[in-house]
Protein backbone atom coordinates (compact mmCIF):
# COMPACT_ATOMS: atom_id res chain seq x y z
CA UNK A 1 19.85 3.02 -1.16
CA UNK A 2 18.50 0.88 -4.00
CA UNK A 3 18.71 -2.18 -1.78
CA UNK A 4 16.66 -0.50 0.99
CA UNK A 5 14.03 0.57 -1.59
CA UNK A 6 13.82 -2.96 -3.07
CA UNK A 7 13.58 -4.60 0.36
CA UNK A 8 10.90 -2.24 1.52
CA UNK A 9 9.00 -2.61 -1.75
CA UNK A 10 9.23 -6.35 -1.58
CA UNK A 11 7.85 -6.40 1.99
CA UNK A 12 5.00 -4.11 1.05
CA UNK A 13 4.13 -6.26 -2.01
CA UNK A 14 4.25 -9.36 0.16
CA UNK A 15 1.91 -7.81 2.72
CA UNK A 16 -0.45 -6.73 -0.11
CA UNK A 17 -0.52 -10.31 -1.45
CA UNK A 18 -1.31 -11.70 1.98
CA UNK A 19 -4.17 -9.18 2.33
CA UNK A 20 -5.38 -10.02 -1.16
CA UNK A 21 -5.48 -13.72 -0.33
CA UNK A 22 -7.43 -12.95 2.84
CA UNK A 23 -9.92 -10.81 0.88
CA UNK A 24 -10.18 -13.53 -1.81
CA UNK A 25 -10.99 -16.11 0.79
CA UNK A 26 -13.67 -13.87 2.30
CA UNK A 27 -15.07 -13.24 -1.14
CA UNK A 28 -15.31 -16.93 -1.91
CA UNK A 29 -17.08 -17.60 1.38
CA UNK A 30 -19.57 -14.77 0.86
CA UNK A 31 -20.20 -15.38 -2.88
CA UNK A 32 -19.59 -11.68 -3.42
CA UNK A 33 -16.65 -9.34 -3.75
CA UNK A 34 -15.50 -8.47 -0.28
CA UNK A 35 -12.48 -6.38 0.56
CA UNK A 36 -11.01 -5.14 3.82
CA UNK A 37 -10.63 -1.39 3.95
CA UNK A 38 -7.58 0.17 5.53
CA UNK A 39 -9.76 1.46 8.36
CA UNK A 40 -11.02 -2.05 9.19
CA UNK A 41 -7.48 -3.45 9.13
CA UNK A 42 -6.22 -0.61 11.29
CA UNK A 43 -8.99 -1.18 13.79
CA UNK A 44 -8.11 -4.87 14.03
CA UNK A 45 -4.37 -4.16 14.54
CA UNK A 46 -4.31 -1.18 16.87
CA UNK A 47 -7.41 1.03 17.37
CA UNK A 48 -5.83 3.66 19.72
CA UNK A 49 -3.35 4.69 17.07
CA UNK A 50 -6.06 5.44 14.60
CA UNK A 51 -7.72 7.74 17.13
CA UNK A 52 -4.29 9.33 17.81
CA UNK A 53 -3.74 10.02 14.13
CA UNK A 54 -7.24 11.50 13.78
CA UNK A 55 -6.59 13.68 16.85
CA UNK A 56 -3.23 14.81 15.48
CA UNK A 57 -4.86 15.82 12.16
CA UNK A 58 -7.60 17.72 13.93
CA UNK A 59 -5.02 19.96 15.67
CA UNK A 60 -3.37 21.01 12.42
CA UNK A 61 -4.02 24.13 10.30
CA UNK A 62 -5.71 22.39 7.38
CA UNK A 63 -7.80 20.11 9.63
CA UNK A 64 -10.78 19.77 7.33
CA UNK A 65 -8.58 18.94 4.28
CA UNK A 66 -6.47 16.45 6.29
CA UNK A 67 -9.57 14.79 7.75
CA UNK A 68 -11.05 14.38 4.26
CA UNK A 69 -7.82 12.99 2.91
CA UNK A 70 -7.53 10.55 5.81
CA UNK A 71 -11.09 9.29 5.37
CA UNK A 72 -10.54 8.82 1.63
CA UNK A 73 -7.37 6.80 2.21
CA UNK A 74 -8.99 4.76 4.99
CA UNK A 75 -11.84 3.73 2.58
CA UNK A 76 -9.44 2.22 0.03
CA UNK A 77 -8.79 -1.55 0.06
CA UNK A 78 -5.84 -2.39 2.31
CA UNK A 79 -4.09 -4.48 -0.36
CA UNK A 80 -4.09 -1.51 -2.72
CA UNK A 81 -2.80 0.93 -0.07
CA UNK A 82 0.21 -1.31 0.58
CA UNK A 83 0.64 -2.80 -2.87
CA UNK A 84 0.88 0.34 -5.00
CA UNK A 85 3.61 2.04 -2.95
CA UNK A 86 5.38 -1.36 -2.80
CA UNK A 87 5.44 -1.63 -6.58
CA UNK A 88 6.64 1.96 -6.88
CA UNK A 89 9.45 1.43 -4.36
CA UNK A 90 10.51 -1.84 -6.02
CA UNK A 91 10.66 -0.17 -9.39
CA UNK A 92 12.52 2.83 -8.00
CA UNK A 93 15.12 0.50 -6.47
CA UNK A 94 15.88 -1.58 -9.52
CA UNK A 95 19.18 -1.32 -11.33
CA UNK A 96 19.29 1.01 -14.30
CA UNK A 97 19.48 -0.61 -17.69
CA UNK A 98 22.82 0.04 -19.27
CA UNK A 99 22.35 -1.43 -22.74
CA UNK A 100 19.12 0.04 -23.97
CA UNK A 101 19.94 -0.16 -27.75
CA UNK A 102 21.98 -2.96 -29.12
CA UNK A 103 23.60 -3.16 -32.50
CA UNK A 104 22.91 -6.24 -34.60
CA UNK A 105 26.44 -7.62 -34.14
CA UNK A 106 26.14 -7.46 -30.32
CA UNK A 107 23.34 -10.04 -30.12
């Protein structure tokens, strides 16, 4: 299980770094801080699925709450949306430290 968490975390961190480089290049070209929101990235990749997710949330019981949460997440920078869960998964998949405290003669 740890292997799967680490691999998935590494892929998400790699995707976040690619998105960060793209945003950095756009920022250098524009002489201003520019970032790609998750909604912009999703619209570039597959627009019908974004409409399908919005339609799915509208048919649920807490439609107003889900719609507000979806719009909030879609406004975040795409590199942060993929990078933060990637870091969390990579940390969750690391091996536990066995020797936390060492005696002086063990060094």
